Amino acid sequence: MKPDPRLTRLVIAADVLLDLRLAELRGCARAIAETRARIEILARDPVAGPELPPAASAQIEHQYRLWADARRAEELQALARQTADWMEAKDRAQTALGRSDVLARLLARK
């Protein structure tokens, strides 16, 4: 028996939606990885510059650490938002996968 064309269209639409949701999930994961890389860079010690008097060097290092701490706090907030976005995207991708799988099984029965 030939499958219902409406079911075939639903399977195609579900597969397209699954691809979209998986792309969204990959984008979220990529953003998280980039943010983690920036946080890792901020955790490193600053590179020594030209020879400066000890007092000037200490002042520059202190200012850098203040800036890096503030920037790290911003990046950690961004990471928290991105992680929440990733979790939501994962849920949407799982739903799309389940929908696609069920429709494909229904089509295979016909």
PDB file of N, CA and C in Angstrom:
ATOM      1  N   MET A   1       0.830  -1.177   0.000  1.00  0.00           N
ATOM      2  CA  MET A   1       0.000   0.000   0.000  1.00  0.00           C
ATOM      3  C   MET A   1       0.877   1.245   0.000  1.00  0.00           C
ATOM      4  N   LYS A   2       0.500   2.206  -0.784  1.00  0.00           N
ATOM      5  CA  LYS A   2       1.257   3.452  -0.900  1.00  0.00           C
ATOM      6  C   LYS A   2       0.977   4.340   0.317  1.00  0.00           C
ATOM      7  N   PRO A   3       2.046   4.911   0.920  1.00  0.00           N
ATOM      8  CA  PRO A   3       1.839   5.751   2.103  1.00  0.00           C
ATOM      9  C   PRO A   3       1.062   7.021   1.752  1.00  0.00           C
ATOM     10  N   ASP A   4       0.378   7.520   2.744  1.00  0.00           N
ATOM     11  CA  ASP A   4      -0.391   8.753   2.603  1.00  0.00           C
ATOM     12  C   ASP A   4       0.584   9.902   2.324  1.00  0.00           C
ATOM     13  N   PRO A   5       0.346  10.698   1.271  1.00  0.00           N
ATOM     14  CA  PRO A   5       1.266  11.805   0.965  1.00  0.00           C
ATOM     15  C   PRO A   5       1.332  12.843   2.084  1.00  0.00           C
ATOM     16  N   ARG A   6       0.266  12.958   2.851  1.00  0.00           N
ATOM     17  CA  ARG A   6       0.306  13.914   3.977  1.00  0.00           C
ATOM     18  C   ARG A   6       1.310  13.450   5.026  1.00  0.00           C
ATOM     19  N   LEU A   7       1.343  12.144   5.270  1.00  0.00           N
ATOM     20  CA  LEU A   7       2.302  11.600   6.230  1.00  0.00           C
ATOM     21  C   LEU A   7       3.726  11.783   5.710  1.00  0.00           C
ATOM     22  N   THR A   8       3.911  11.578   4.416  1.00  0.00           N
ATOM     23  CA  THR A   8       5.237  11.780   3.815  1.00  0.00           C
ATOM     24  C   THR A   8       5.691  13.226   4.003  1.00  0.00           C
ATOM     25  N   ARG A   9       4.793  14.173   3.782  1.00  0.00           N
ATOM     26  CA  ARG A   9       5.132  15.594   3.966  1.00  0.00           C
ATOM     27  C   ARG A   9       5.442  15.894   5.437  1.00  0.00           C
ATOM     28  N   LEU A  10       4.690  15.256   6.342  1.00  0.00           N
ATOM     29  CA  LEU A  10       4.960  15.447   7.773  1.00  0.00           C
ATOM     30  C   LEU A  10       6.349  14.926   8.141  1.00  0.00           C
ATOM     31  N   VAL A  11       6.723  13.783   7.592  1.00  0.00           N
ATOM     32  CA  VAL A  11       8.060  13.220   7.855  1.00  0.00           C
ATOM     33  C   VAL A  11       9.137  14.180   7.353  1.00  0.00           C
ATOM     34  N   ILE A  12       8.951  14.713   6.163  1.00  0.00           N
ATOM     35  CA  ILE A  12       9.928  15.662   5.601  1.00  0.00           C
ATOM     36  C   ILE A  12      10.015  16.907   6.471  1.00  0.00           C
ATOM     37  N   ALA A  13       8.864  17.427   6.875  1.00  0.00           N
ATOM     38  CA  ALA A  13       8.850  18.624   7.727  1.00  0.00           C
ATOM     39  C   ALA A  13       9.513  18.347   9.072  1.00  0.00           C
ATOM     40  N   ALA A  14       9.259  17.176   9.637  1.00  0.00           N
ATOM     41  CA  ALA A  14       9.872  16.822  10.918  1.00  0.00           C
ATOM     42  C   ALA A  14      11.387  16.704  10.787  1.00  0.00           C
ATOM     43  N   ASP A  15      11.852  16.165   9.673  1.00  0.00           N
ATOM     44  CA  ASP A  15      13.303  16.053   9.448  1.00  0.00           C
ATOM     45  C   ASP A  15      13.948  17.430   9.286  1.00  0.00           C
ATOM     46  N   VAL A  16      13.257  18.318   8.592  1.00  0.00           N
ATOM     47  CA  VAL A  16      13.784  19.689   8.430  1.00  0.00           C
ATOM     48  C   VAL A  16      13.846  20.379   9.786  1.00  0.00           C
ATOM     49  N   LEU A  17      12.792  20.216  10.583  1.00  0.00           N
ATOM     50  CA  LEU A  17      12.774  20.820  11.917  1.00  0.00           C
ATOM     51  C   LEU A  17      13.880  20.233  12.792  1.00  0.00           C
ATOM     52  N   LEU A  18      14.103  18.931  12.686  1.00  0.00           N
ATOM     53  CA  LEU A  18      15.182  18.300  13.449  1.00  0.00           C
ATOM     54  C   LEU A  18      16.537  18.887  13.049  1.00  0.00           C
ATOM     55  N   ASP A  19      16.774  19.035  11.762  1.00  0.00           N
ATOM     56  CA  ASP A  19      18.029  19.632  11.299  1.00  0.00           C
ATOM     57  C   ASP A  19      18.199  21.052  11.854  1.00  0.00           C
ATOM     58  N   LEU A  20      17.113  21.805  11.860  1.00  0.00           N
ATOM     59  CA  LEU A  20      17.146  23.171  12.391  1.00  0.00           C
ATOM     60  C   LEU A  20      17.474  23.172  13.877  1.00  0.00           C
ATOM     61  N   ARG A  21      16.829  22.297  14.618  1.00  0.00           N
ATOM     62  CA  ARG A  21      17.066  22.231  16.072  1.00  0.00           C
ATOM     63  C   ARG A  21      18.483  21.755  16.388  1.00  0.00           C
ATOM     64  N   LEU A  22      18.999  20.825  15.604  1.00  0.00           N
ATOM     65  CA  LEU A  22      20.376  20.364  15.823  1.00  0.00           C
ATOM     66  C   LEU A  22      21.385  21.468  15.497  1.00  0.00           C
ATOM     67  N   ALA A  23      21.105  22.242  14.457  1.00  0.00           N
ATOM     68  CA  ALA A  23      21.984  23.375  14.127  1.00  0.00           C
ATOM     69  C   ALA A  23      21.964  24.404  15.253  1.00  0.00           C
ATOM     70  N   GLU A  24      20.790  24.633  15.813  1.00  0.00           N
ATOM     71  CA  GLU A  24      20.669  25.558  16.943  1.00  0.00           C
ATOM     72  C   GLU A  24      21.475  25.050  18.132  1.00  0.00           C
ATOM     73  N   LEU A  25      21.404  23.760  18.392  1.00  0.00           N
ATOM     74  CA  LEU A  25      22.148  23.155  19.500  1.00  0.00           C
ATOM     75  C   LEU A  25      23.656  23.283  19.271  1.00  0.00           C
ATOM     76  N   ARG A  26      24.098  23.036  18.044  1.00  0.00           N
ATOM     77  CA  ARG A  26      25.535  23.187  17.731  1.00  0.00           C
ATOM     78  C   ARG A  26      25.978  24.636  17.920  1.00  0.00           C
ATOM     79  N   GLY A  27      25.135  25.581  17.524  1.00  0.00           N
ATOM     80  CA  GLY A  27      25.476  26.996  17.709  1.00  0.00           C
ATOM     81  C   GLY A  27      25.627  27.354  19.181  1.00  0.00           C
ATOM     82  N   CYS A  28      24.737  26.832  20.005  1.00  0.00           N
ATOM     83  CA  CYS A  28      24.830  27.075  21.447  1.00  0.00           C
ATOM     84  C   CYS A  28      26.112  26.472  22.016  1.00  0.00           C
ATOM     85  N   ALA A  29      26.432  25.264  21.592  1.00  0.00           N
ATOM     86  CA  ALA A  29      27.653  24.607  22.075  1.00  0.00           C
ATOM     87  C   ALA A  29      28.898  25.375  21.642  1.00  0.00           C
ATOM     88  N   ARG A  30      28.871  25.896  20.414  1.00  0.00           N
ATOM     89  CA  ARG A  30      30.004  26.680  19.916  1.00  0.00           C
ATOM     90  C   ARG A  30      30.181  27.955  20.748  1.00  0.00           C
ATOM     91  N   ALA A  31      29.085  28.627  21.076  1.00  0.00           N
ATOM     92  CA  ALA A  31      29.156  29.846  21.886  1.00  0.00           C
ATOM     93  C   ALA A  31      29.722  29.545  23.272  1.00  0.00           C
ATOM     94  N   ILE A  32      29.305  28.430  23.851  1.00  0.00           N
ATOM     95  CA  ILE A  32      29.828  28.035  25.164  1.00  0.00           C
ATOM     96  C   ILE A  32      31.334  27.788  25.082  1.00  0.00           C
ATOM     97  N   ALA A  33      31.772  27.083  24.067  1.00  0.00           N
ATOM     98  CA  ALA A  33      33.205  26.784  23.917  1.00  0.00           C
ATOM     99  C   ALA A  33      34.020  28.073  23.758  1.00  0.00           C
ATOM    100  N   GLU A  34      33.499  29.020  22.986  1.00  0.00           N
ATOM    101  CA  GLU A  34      34.208  30.283  22.793  1.00  0.00           C
ATOM    102  C   GLU A  34      34.302  31.063  24.096  1.00  0.00           C
ATOM    103  N   THR A  35      33.213  31.082  24.858  1.00  0.00           N
ATOM    104  CA  THR A  35      33.226  31.796  26.135  1.00  0.00           C
ATOM    105  C   THR A  35      34.191  31.137  27.110  1.00  0.00           C
ATOM    106  N   ARG A  36      34.182  29.810  27.151  1.00  0.00           N
ATOM    107  CA  ARG A  36      35.128  29.104  28.039  1.00  0.00           C
ATOM    108  C   ARG A  36      36.572  29.397  27.657  1.00  0.00           C
ATOM    109  N   ALA A  37      36.841  29.502  26.374  1.00  0.00           N
ATOM    110  CA  ALA A  37      38.206  29.819  25.921  1.00  0.00           C
ATOM    111  C   ALA A  37      38.604  31.222  26.391  1.00  0.00           C
ATOM    112  N   ARG A  38      37.664  32.184  26.299  1.00  0.00           N
ATOM    113  CA  ARG A  38      37.973  33.541  26.765  1.00  0.00           C
ATOM    114  C   ARG A  38      38.208  33.565  28.272  1.00  0.00           C
ATOM    115  N   ILE A  39      37.434  32.788  29.019  1.00  0.00           N
ATOM    116  CA  ILE A  39      37.626  32.723  30.474  1.00  0.00           C
ATOM    117  C   ILE A  39      38.993  32.135  30.792  1.00  0.00           C
ATOM    118  N   GLU A  40      39.386  31.110  30.045  1.00  0.00           N
ATOM    119  CA  GLU A  40      40.693  30.489  30.266  1.00  0.00           C
ATOM    120  C   GLU A  40      41.830  31.483  29.999  1.00  0.00           C
ATOM    121  N   ILE A  41      41.683  32.267  28.960  1.00  0.00           N
ATOM    122  CA  ILE A  41      42.708  33.269  28.646  1.00  0.00           C
ATOM    123  C   ILE A  41      42.815  34.298  29.767  1.00  0.00           C
ATOM    124  N   LEU A  42      41.679  34.706  30.321  1.00  0.00           N
ATOM    125  CA  LEU A  42      41.691  35.686  31.407  1.00  0.00           C
ATOM    126  C   LEU A  42      42.323  35.138  32.681  1.00  0.00           C
ATOM    127  N   ALA A  43      42.327  33.823  32.850  1.00  0.00           N
ATOM    128  CA  ALA A  43      42.902  33.212  34.048  1.00  0.00           C
ATOM    129  C   ALA A  43      44.430  33.171  34.000  1.00  0.00           C
ATOM    130  N   ARG A  44      44.984  33.351  32.818  1.00  0.00           N
ATOM    131  CA  ARG A  44      46.448  33.309  32.680  1.00  0.00           C
ATOM    132  C   ARG A  44      47.080  34.572  33.264  1.00  0.00           C
ATOM    133  N   ASP A  45      48.333  34.408  33.648  1.00  0.00           N
ATOM    134  CA  ASP A  45      49.089  35.565  34.119  1.00  0.00           C
ATOM    135  C   ASP A  45      49.418  36.463  32.938  1.00  0.00           C
ATOM    136  N   PRO A  46      49.456  37.770  33.166  1.00  0.00           N
ATOM    137  CA  PRO A  46      49.784  38.678  32.067  1.00  0.00           C
ATOM    138  C   PRO A  46      51.220  38.461  31.593  1.00  0.00           C
ATOM    139  N   VAL A  47      51.411  38.703  30.337  1.00  0.00           N
ATOM    140  CA  VAL A  47      52.740  38.565  29.753  1.00  0.00           C
ATOM    141  C   VAL A  47      53.577  39.759  30.186  1.00  0.00           C
ATOM    142  N   ALA A  48      54.810  39.476  30.560  1.00  0.00           N
ATOM    143  CA  ALA A  48      55.702  40.547  31.002  1.00  0.00           C
ATOM    144  C   ALA A  48      56.038  41.456  29.833  1.00  0.00           C
ATOM    145  N   GLY A  49      55.993  42.728  30.095  1.00  0.00           N
ATOM    146  CA  GLY A  49      56.316  43.718  29.070  1.00  0.00           C
ATOM    147  C   GLY A  49      57.745  44.186  29.226  1.00  0.00           C
ATOM    148  N   PRO A  50      58.001  45.371  28.736  1.00  0.00           N
ATOM    149  CA  PRO A  50      59.362  45.902  28.858  1.00  0.00           C
ATOM    150  C   PRO A  50      59.718  46.107  30.327  1.00  0.00           C
ATOM    151  N   GLU A  51      60.986  46.144  30.565  1.00  0.00           N
ATOM    152  CA  GLU A  51      61.466  46.326  31.935  1.00  0.00           C
ATOM    153  C   GLU A  51      60.967  47.665  32.477  1.00  0.00           C
ATOM    154  N   LEU A  52      60.254  47.592  33.572  1.00  0.00           N
ATOM    155  CA  LEU A  52      59.728  48.777  34.236  1.00  0.00           C
ATOM    156  C   LEU A  52      60.193  48.756  35.679  1.00  0.00           C
ATOM    157  N   PRO A  53      60.167  49.901  36.290  1.00  0.00           N
ATOM    158  CA  PRO A  53      60.479  49.907  37.723  1.00  0.00           C
ATOM    159  C   PRO A  53      59.476  49.006  38.463  1.00  0.00           C
ATOM    160  N   PRO A  54      59.887  48.377  39.539  1.00  0.00           N
ATOM    161  CA  PRO A  54      59.008  47.449  40.261  1.00  0.00           C
ATOM    162  C   PRO A  54      57.665  48.072  40.664  1.00  0.00           C
ATOM    163  N   ALA A  55      57.657  49.302  41.088  1.00  0.00           N
ATOM    164  CA  ALA A  55      56.402  49.933  41.510  1.00  0.00           C
ATOM    165  C   ALA A  55      55.448  50.072  40.322  1.00  0.00           C
ATOM    166  N   ALA A  56      55.961  50.492  39.179  1.00  0.00           N
ATOM    167  CA  ALA A  56      55.122  50.651  37.984  1.00  0.00           C
ATOM    168  C   ALA A  56      54.626  49.287  37.503  1.00  0.00           C
ATOM    169  N   SER A  57      55.490  48.311  37.545  1.00  0.00           N
ATOM    170  CA  SER A  57      55.120  46.964  37.120  1.00  0.00           C
ATOM    171  C   SER A  57      54.011  46.404  38.013  1.00  0.00           C
ATOM    172  N   ALA A  58      54.143  46.613  39.318  1.00  0.00           N
ATOM    173  CA  ALA A  58      53.131  46.134  40.259  1.00  0.00           C
ATOM    174  C   ALA A  58      51.803  46.847  40.036  1.00  0.00           C
ATOM    175  N   GLN A  59      51.860  48.137  39.772  1.00  0.00           N
ATOM    176  CA  GLN A  59      50.634  48.896  39.540  1.00  0.00           C
ATOM    177  C   GLN A  59      49.935  48.415  38.257  1.00  0.00           C
ATOM    178  N   ILE A  60      50.707  48.197  37.228  1.00  0.00           N
ATOM    179  CA  ILE A  60      50.135  47.713  35.962  1.00  0.00           C
ATOM    180  C   ILE A  60      49.517  46.330  36.155  1.00  0.00           C
ATOM    181  N   GLU A  61      50.222  45.461  36.869  1.00  0.00           N
ATOM    182  CA  GLU A  61      49.698  44.114  37.111  1.00  0.00           C
ATOM    183  C   GLU A  61      48.402  44.177  37.927  1.00  0.00           C
ATOM    184  N   HIS A  62      48.374  45.057  38.924  1.00  0.00           N
ATOM    185  CA  HIS A  62      47.173  45.218  39.745  1.00  0.00           C
ATOM    186  C   HIS A  62      45.996  45.707  38.888  1.00  0.00           C
ATOM    187  N   GLN A  63      46.233  46.681  38.048  1.00  0.00           N
ATOM    188  CA  GLN A  63      45.171  47.201  37.181  1.00  0.00           C
ATOM    189  C   GLN A  63      44.683  46.123  36.206  1.00  0.00           C
ATOM    190  N   TYR A  64      45.619  45.354  35.691  1.00  0.00           N
ATOM    191  CA  TYR A  64      45.232  44.269  34.790  1.00  0.00           C
ATOM    192  C   TYR A  64      44.359  43.262  35.520  1.00  0.00           C
ATOM    193  N   ARG A  65      44.754  42.885  36.725  1.00  0.00           N
ATOM    194  CA  ARG A  65      43.979  41.892  37.481  1.00  0.00           C
ATOM    195  C   ARG A  65      42.572  42.413  37.793  1.00  0.00           C
ATOM    196  N   LEU A  66      42.452  43.688  38.122  1.00  0.00           N
ATOM    197  CA  LEU A  66      41.125  44.265  38.351  1.00  0.00           C
ATOM    198  C   LEU A  66      40.276  44.179  37.081  1.00  0.00           C
ATOM    199  N   TRP A  67      40.879  44.550  35.966  1.00  0.00           N
ATOM    200  CA  TRP A  67      40.159  44.486  34.690  1.00  0.00           C
ATOM    201  C   TRP A  67      39.788  43.039  34.356  1.00  0.00           C
ATOM    202  N   ALA A  68      40.748  42.127  34.522  1.00  0.00           N
ATOM    203  CA  ALA A  68      40.509  40.718  34.185  1.00  0.00           C
ATOM    204  C   ALA A  68      39.430  40.117  35.078  1.00  0.00           C
ATOM    205  N   ASP A  69      39.422  40.479  36.361  1.00  0.00           N
ATOM    206  CA  ASP A  69      38.388  39.965  37.262  1.00  0.00           C
ATOM    207  C   ASP A  69      37.001  40.441  36.839  1.00  0.00           C
ATOM    208  N   ALA A  70      36.892  41.709  36.474  1.00  0.00           N
ATOM    209  CA  ALA A  70      35.602  42.244  36.024  1.00  0.00           C
ATOM    210  C   ALA A  70      35.178  41.579  34.718  1.00  0.00           C
ATOM    211  N   ARG A  71      36.105  41.426  33.819  1.00  0.00           N
ATOM    212  CA  ARG A  71      35.804  40.796  32.526  1.00  0.00           C
ATOM    213  C   ARG A  71      35.415  39.332  32.727  1.00  0.00           C
ATOM    214  N   ARG A  72      36.117  38.634  33.631  1.00  0.00           N
ATOM    215  CA  ARG A  72      35.812  37.232  33.918  1.00  0.00           C
ATOM    216  C   ARG A  72      34.392  37.104  34.477  1.00  0.00           C
ATOM    217  N   ALA A  73      33.994  38.037  35.341  1.00  0.00           N
ATOM    218  CA  ALA A  73      32.636  38.010  35.896  1.00  0.00           C
ATOM    219  C   ALA A  73      31.605  38.162  34.774  1.00  0.00           C
ATOM    220  N   GLU A  74      31.870  39.053  33.832  1.00  0.00           N
ATOM    221  CA  GLU A  74      30.969  39.229  32.684  1.00  0.00           C
ATOM    222  C   GLU A  74      30.895  37.953  31.848  1.00  0.00           C
ATOM    223  N   GLU A  75      32.036  37.348  31.613  1.00  0.00           N
ATOM    224  CA  GLU A  75      32.078  36.120  30.814  1.00  0.00           C
ATOM    225  C   GLU A  75      31.363  34.970  31.525  1.00  0.00           C
ATOM    226  N   LEU A  76      31.483  34.905  32.847  1.00  0.00           N
ATOM    227  CA  LEU A  76      30.796  33.850  33.592  1.00  0.00           C
ATOM    228  C   LEU A  76      29.276  34.031  33.531  1.00  0.00           C
ATOM    229  N   GLN A  77      28.825  35.287  33.563  1.00  0.00           N
ATOM    230  CA  GLN A  77      27.390  35.543  33.399  1.00  0.00           C
ATOM    231  C   GLN A  77      26.932  35.123  32.004  1.00  0.00           C
ATOM    232  N   ALA A  78      27.733  35.449  31.015  1.00  0.00           N
ATOM    233  CA  ALA A  78      27.398  35.049  29.643  1.00  0.00           C
ATOM    234  C   ALA A  78      27.365  33.527  29.530  1.00  0.00           C
ATOM    235  N   LEU A  79      28.314  32.867  30.171  1.00  0.00           N
ATOM    236  CA  LEU A  79      28.365  31.404  30.140  1.00  0.00           C
ATOM    237  C   LEU A  79      27.117  30.796  30.783  1.00  0.00           C
ATOM    238  N   ALA A  80      26.659  31.390  31.865  1.00  0.00           N
ATOM    239  CA  ALA A  80      25.441  30.889  32.517  1.00  0.00           C
ATOM    240  C   ALA A  80      24.235  31.033  31.581  1.00  0.00           C
ATOM    241  N   ARG A  81      24.125  32.184  30.919  1.00  0.00           N
ATOM    242  CA  ARG A  81      23.022  32.380  29.964  1.00  0.00           C
ATOM    243  C   ARG A  81      23.127  31.402  28.801  1.00  0.00           C
ATOM    244  N   GLN A  82      24.332  31.226  28.290  1.00  0.00           N
ATOM    245  CA  GLN A  82      24.535  30.320  27.163  1.00  0.00           C
ATOM    246  C   GLN A  82      24.237  28.875  27.548  1.00  0.00           C
ATOM    247  N   THR A  83      24.581  28.506  28.769  1.00  0.00           N
ATOM    248  CA  THR A  83      24.296  27.143  29.232  1.00  0.00           C
ATOM    249  C   THR A  83      22.787  26.925  29.328  1.00  0.00           C
ATOM    250  N   ALA A  84      22.067  27.919  29.823  1.00  0.00           N
ATOM    251  CA  ALA A  84      20.602  27.816  29.883  1.00  0.00           C
ATOM    252  C   ALA A  84      20.026  27.717  28.469  1.00  0.00           C
ATOM    253  N   ASP A  85      20.556  28.517  27.550  1.00  0.00           N
ATOM    254  CA  ASP A  85      20.108  28.450  26.150  1.00  0.00           C
ATOM    255  C   ASP A  85      20.377  27.066  25.565  1.00  0.00           C
ATOM    256  N   TRP A  86      21.555  26.505  25.870  1.00  0.00           N
ATOM    257  CA  TRP A  86      21.917  25.179  25.365  1.00  0.00           C
ATOM    258  C   TRP A  86      20.963  24.122  25.909  1.00  0.00           C
ATOM    259  N   MET A  87      20.621  24.225  27.184  1.00  0.00           N
ATOM    260  CA  MET A  87      19.706  23.253  27.784  1.00  0.00           C
ATOM    261  C   MET A  87      18.330  23.319  27.114  1.00  0.00           C
ATOM    262  N   GLU A  88      17.856  24.525  26.844  1.00  0.00           N
ATOM    263  CA  GLU A  88      16.577  24.675  26.156  1.00  0.00           C
ATOM    264  C   GLU A  88      16.666  24.137  24.725  1.00  0.00           C
ATOM    265  N   ALA A  89      17.771  24.432  24.055  1.00  0.00           N
ATOM    266  CA  ALA A  89      17.959  23.936  22.688  1.00  0.00           C
ATOM    267  C   ALA A  89      18.036  22.411  22.669  1.00  0.00           C
ATOM    268  N   LYS A  90      18.662  21.839  23.683  1.00  0.00           N
ATOM    269  CA  LYS A  90      18.749  20.382  23.786  1.00  0.00           C
ATOM    270  C   LYS A  90      17.353  19.774  23.939  1.00  0.00           C
ATOM    271  N   ASP A  91      16.536  20.388  24.771  1.00  0.00           N
ATOM    272  CA  ASP A  91      15.162  19.894  24.941  1.00  0.00           C
ATOM    273  C   ASP A  91      14.386  19.977  23.627  1.00  0.00           C
ATOM    274  N   ARG A  92      14.535  21.089  22.914  1.00  0.00           N
ATOM    275  CA  ARG A  92      13.839  21.228  21.632  1.00  0.00           C
ATOM    276  C   ARG A  92      14.348  20.210  20.615  1.00  0.00           C
ATOM    277  N   ALA A  93      15.657  19.954  20.623  1.00  0.00           N
ATOM    278  CA  ALA A  93      16.225  18.974  19.693  1.00  0.00           C
ATOM    279  C   ALA A  93      15.739  17.565  20.042  1.00  0.00           C
ATOM    280  N   GLN A  94      15.646  17.251  21.313  1.00  0.00           N
ATOM    281  CA  GLN A  94      15.151  15.932  21.716  1.00  0.00           C
ATOM    282  C   GLN A  94      13.698  15.748  21.287  1.00  0.00           C
ATOM    283  N   THR A  95      12.894  16.788  21.454  1.00  0.00           N
ATOM    284  CA  THR A  95      11.497  16.717  21.031  1.00  0.00           C
ATOM    285  C   THR A  95      11.408  16.528  19.522  1.00  0.00           C
ATOM    286  N   ALA A  96      12.214  17.276  18.789  1.00  0.00           N
ATOM    287  CA  ALA A  96      12.206  17.157  17.322  1.00  0.00           C
ATOM    288  C   ALA A  96      12.665  15.768  16.886  1.00  0.00           C
ATOM    289  N   LEU A  97      13.662  15.220  17.577  1.00  0.00           N
ATOM    290  CA  LEU A  97      14.134  13.876  17.252  1.00  0.00           C
ATOM    291  C   LEU A  97      13.037  12.838  17.496  1.00  0.00           C
ATOM    292  N   GLY A  98      12.372  12.942  18.630  1.00  0.00           N
ATOM    293  CA  GLY A  98      11.290  12.010  18.934  1.00  0.00           C
ATOM    294  C   GLY A  98      10.165  12.099  17.915  1.00  0.00           C
ATOM    295  N   ARG A  99       9.803  13.318  17.564  1.00  0.00           N
ATOM    296  CA  ARG A  99       8.739  13.520  16.580  1.00  0.00           C
ATOM    297  C   ARG A  99       9.143  12.930  15.232  1.00  0.00           C
ATOM    298  N   SER A 100      10.370  13.196  14.817  1.00  0.00           N
ATOM    299  CA  SER A 100      10.859  12.690  13.543  1.00  0.00           C
ATOM    300  C   SER A 100      10.889  11.159  13.537  1.00  0.00           C
ATOM    301  N   ASP A 101      11.339  10.590  14.640  1.00  0.00           N
ATOM    302  CA  ASP A 101      11.430   9.132  14.744  1.00  0.00           C
ATOM    303  C   ASP A 101      10.050   8.476  14.685  1.00  0.00           C
ATOM    304  N   VAL A 102       9.108   9.019  15.414  1.00  0.00           N
ATOM    305  CA  VAL A 102       7.759   8.442  15.427  1.00  0.00           C
ATOM    306  C   VAL A 102       7.127   8.524  14.041  1.00  0.00           C
ATOM    307  N   LEU A 103       7.260   9.673  13.395  1.00  0.00           N
ATOM    308  CA  LEU A 103       6.673   9.828  12.062  1.00  0.00           C
ATOM    309  C   LEU A 103       7.345   8.897  11.051  1.00  0.00           C
ATOM    310  N   ALA A 104       8.643   8.730  11.148  1.00  0.00           N
ATOM    311  CA  ALA A 104       9.357   7.822  10.234  1.00  0.00           C
ATOM    312  C   ALA A 104       8.890   6.381  10.454  1.00  0.00           C
ATOM    313  N   ARG A 105       8.662   5.996  11.692  1.00  0.00           N
ATOM    314  CA  ARG A 105       8.161   4.643  11.980  1.00  0.00           C
ATOM    315  C   ARG A 105       6.758   4.449  11.431  1.00  0.00           C
ATOM    316  N   LEU A 106       5.933   5.477  11.581  1.00  0.00           N
ATOM    317  CA  LEU A 106       4.576   5.395  11.016  1.00  0.00           C
ATOM    318  C   LEU A 106       4.618   5.248   9.490  1.00  0.00           C
ATOM    319  N   LEU A 107       5.498   6.002   8.873  1.00  0.00           N
ATOM    320  CA  LEU A 107       5.629   5.930   7.413  1.00  0.00           C
ATOM    321  C   LEU A 107       6.124   4.545   6.986  1.00  0.00           C
ATOM    322  N   ALA A 108       7.040   3.973   7.769  1.00  0.00           N
ATOM    323  CA  ALA A 108       7.584   2.658   7.437  1.00  0.00           C
ATOM    324  C   ALA A 108       6.519   1.554   7.538  1.00  0.00           C
ATOM    325  N   ARG A 109       5.548   1.741   8.393  1.00  0.00           N
ATOM    326  CA  ARG A 109       4.474   0.748   8.546  1.00  0.00           C
ATOM    327  C   ARG A 109       3.529   0.741   7.351  1.00  0.00           C
ATOM    328  N   LYS A 110       3.397   1.868   6.722  1.00  0.00           N
ATOM    329  CA  LYS A 110       2.405   2.002   5.630  1.00  0.00           C
ATOM    330  C   LYS A 110       2.857   1.298   4.378  1.00  0.00           C
TER     331      LYS A 110
END
